[in-house]
Amino acid sequence: MGVIITKNSNGTRTFTYKKVQDRIFKPEHYLLPIPRDEINRTGLVQNPGYN
């Protein structure tokens, strides 16, 4: 969301909210990839969606 601030003639401000962009949050965005060095060092399994 964005906000448009308008200064009125009496010195007050009006705030109008506007949709700027639609975003899609996919399930694979919940987890980040684990660095390869960390996988090699600890034996962790890479998070789903990353090879």
N, C-alpha and C. Protein backbone atom coordinates (compact mmCIF):
# COMPACT_ATOMS: atom_id res chain seq x y z
N MET A 1 0.84 -1.17 0.00
CA MET A 1 0.00 0.00 0.00
C MET A 1 0.88 1.24 0.00
N GLY A 2 0.34 2.29 -0.54
CA GLY A 2 1.01 3.57 -0.54
C GLY A 2 0.08 4.60 0.07
N VAL A 3 0.60 5.75 0.38
CA VAL A 3 -0.22 6.80 0.96
C VAL A 3 0.02 8.10 0.20
N ILE A 4 -1.07 8.80 -0.09
CA ILE A 4 -1.00 10.11 -0.74
C ILE A 4 -1.39 11.13 0.33
N ILE A 5 -0.48 12.05 0.63
CA ILE A 5 -0.71 13.06 1.66
C ILE A 5 -1.04 14.37 0.96
N THR A 6 -2.20 14.93 1.31
CA THR A 6 -2.65 16.18 0.72
C THR A 6 -2.80 17.21 1.82
N LYS A 7 -2.18 18.36 1.64
CA LYS A 7 -2.32 19.45 2.61
C LYS A 7 -3.53 20.29 2.22
N ASN A 8 -4.47 20.42 3.12
CA ASN A 8 -5.70 21.17 2.86
C ASN A 8 -5.46 22.66 3.09
N SER A 9 -6.40 23.48 2.61
CA SER A 9 -6.26 24.94 2.71
C SER A 9 -6.25 25.43 4.16
N ASN A 10 -6.84 24.67 5.08
CA ASN A 10 -6.86 25.08 6.48
C ASN A 10 -5.65 24.57 7.26
N GLY A 11 -4.68 23.96 6.58
CA GLY A 11 -3.45 23.51 7.21
C GLY A 11 -3.46 22.06 7.68
N THR A 12 -4.61 21.40 7.62
CA THR A 12 -4.66 19.99 8.00
C THR A 12 -4.23 19.13 6.82
N ARG A 13 -3.95 17.89 7.11
CA ARG A 13 -3.52 16.96 6.06
C ARG A 13 -4.54 15.84 5.93
N THR A 14 -4.72 15.38 4.72
CA THR A 14 -5.59 14.25 4.43
C THR A 14 -4.73 13.12 3.91
N PHE A 15 -4.94 11.92 4.45
CA PHE A 15 -4.17 10.74 4.07
C PHE A 15 -5.09 9.80 3.29
N THR A 16 -4.72 9.50 2.05
CA THR A 16 -5.48 8.60 1.20
C THR A 16 -4.60 7.40 0.88
N TYR A 17 -5.09 6.20 1.19
CA TYR A 17 -4.32 4.98 0.95
C TYR A 17 -4.65 4.42 -0.42
N LYS A 18 -3.62 3.95 -1.13
CA LYS A 18 -3.77 3.46 -2.49
C LYS A 18 -2.98 2.17 -2.66
N LYS A 19 -3.58 1.21 -3.36
CA LYS A 19 -2.86 -0.04 -3.64
C LYS A 19 -1.82 0.25 -4.72
N VAL A 20 -0.57 -0.09 -4.41
CA VAL A 20 0.53 0.17 -5.33
C VAL A 20 0.83 -1.06 -6.16
N GLN A 21 0.80 -2.23 -5.52
CA GLN A 21 1.20 -3.45 -6.22
C GLN A 21 0.55 -4.66 -5.56
N ASP A 22 0.11 -5.62 -6.37
CA ASP A 22 -0.35 -6.91 -5.85
C ASP A 22 0.85 -7.83 -5.74
N ARG A 23 1.02 -8.45 -4.58
CA ARG A 23 2.14 -9.38 -4.40
C ARG A 23 1.61 -10.76 -4.09
N ILE A 24 2.29 -11.76 -4.61
CA ILE A 24 1.93 -13.14 -4.39
C ILE A 24 3.00 -13.78 -3.54
N PHE A 25 2.60 -14.38 -2.41
CA PHE A 25 3.54 -15.04 -1.51
C PHE A 25 3.37 -16.53 -1.67
N LYS A 26 4.39 -17.19 -2.22
CA LYS A 26 4.35 -18.62 -2.49
C LYS A 26 4.88 -19.39 -1.29
N PRO A 27 4.46 -20.65 -1.10
CA PRO A 27 4.94 -21.45 0.04
C PRO A 27 6.47 -21.56 0.10
N GLU A 28 7.14 -21.59 -1.05
CA GLU A 28 8.60 -21.72 -1.03
C GLU A 28 9.30 -20.45 -0.52
N HIS A 29 8.55 -19.37 -0.37
CA HIS A 29 9.14 -18.14 0.16
C HIS A 29 9.25 -18.16 1.69
N TYR A 30 8.67 -19.15 2.35
CA TYR A 30 8.76 -19.24 3.80
C TYR A 30 10.16 -19.57 4.27
N LEU A 31 10.91 -20.32 3.48
CA LEU A 31 12.25 -20.75 3.86
C LEU A 31 13.27 -20.24 2.85
N LEU A 32 14.45 -19.87 3.34
CA LEU A 32 15.54 -19.45 2.48
C LEU A 32 16.48 -20.62 2.26
N PRO A 33 17.30 -20.57 1.21
CA PRO A 33 18.24 -21.66 1.00
C PRO A 33 19.32 -21.66 2.09
N ILE A 34 19.76 -22.84 2.42
CA ILE A 34 20.87 -23.00 3.38
C ILE A 34 22.16 -22.96 2.56
N PRO A 35 23.14 -22.15 2.99
CA PRO A 35 24.40 -22.09 2.24
C PRO A 35 25.05 -23.47 2.12
N ARG A 36 25.64 -23.73 0.94
CA ARG A 36 26.25 -25.03 0.65
C ARG A 36 27.32 -25.39 1.69
N ASP A 37 28.13 -24.43 2.11
CA ASP A 37 29.16 -24.71 3.12
C ASP A 37 28.55 -25.21 4.42
N GLU A 38 27.40 -24.66 4.79
CA GLU A 38 26.73 -25.08 6.04
C GLU A 38 26.18 -26.49 5.90
N ILE A 39 25.66 -26.84 4.72
CA ILE A 39 25.16 -28.20 4.48
C ILE A 39 26.31 -29.19 4.56
N ASN A 40 27.44 -28.86 3.91
CA ASN A 40 28.61 -29.74 3.93
C ASN A 40 29.16 -29.91 5.34
N ARG A 41 29.14 -28.84 6.13
CA ARG A 41 29.73 -28.87 7.47
C ARG A 41 28.85 -29.62 8.47
N THR A 42 27.53 -29.48 8.35
CA THR A 42 26.64 -30.03 9.37
C THR A 42 25.81 -31.23 8.92
N GLY A 43 25.70 -31.45 7.61
CA GLY A 43 24.89 -32.55 7.12
C GLY A 43 23.39 -32.23 7.06
N LEU A 44 23.06 -30.94 7.15
CA LEU A 44 21.65 -30.55 7.03
C LEU A 44 21.14 -30.86 5.64
N VAL A 45 19.83 -30.96 5.51
CA VAL A 45 19.18 -31.19 4.23
C VAL A 45 18.71 -29.82 3.72
N GLN A 46 18.94 -29.57 2.42
CA GLN A 46 18.53 -28.29 1.82
C GLN A 46 17.03 -28.11 1.91
N ASN A 47 16.58 -26.89 2.11
CA ASN A 47 15.16 -26.58 2.18
C ASN A 47 14.48 -26.90 0.85
N PRO A 48 13.19 -27.24 0.88
CA PRO A 48 12.46 -27.58 -0.35
C PRO A 48 12.48 -26.42 -1.35
N GLY A 49 12.62 -26.77 -2.62
CA GLY A 49 12.61 -25.77 -3.68
C GLY A 49 13.99 -25.28 -4.08
N TYR A 50 15.02 -25.68 -3.33
CA TYR A 50 16.39 -25.29 -3.64
C TYR A 50 17.23 -26.56 -3.85
N ASN A 51 18.12 -26.51 -4.84
CA ASN A 51 18.95 -27.69 -5.11
C ASN A 51 20.36 -27.45 -4.66
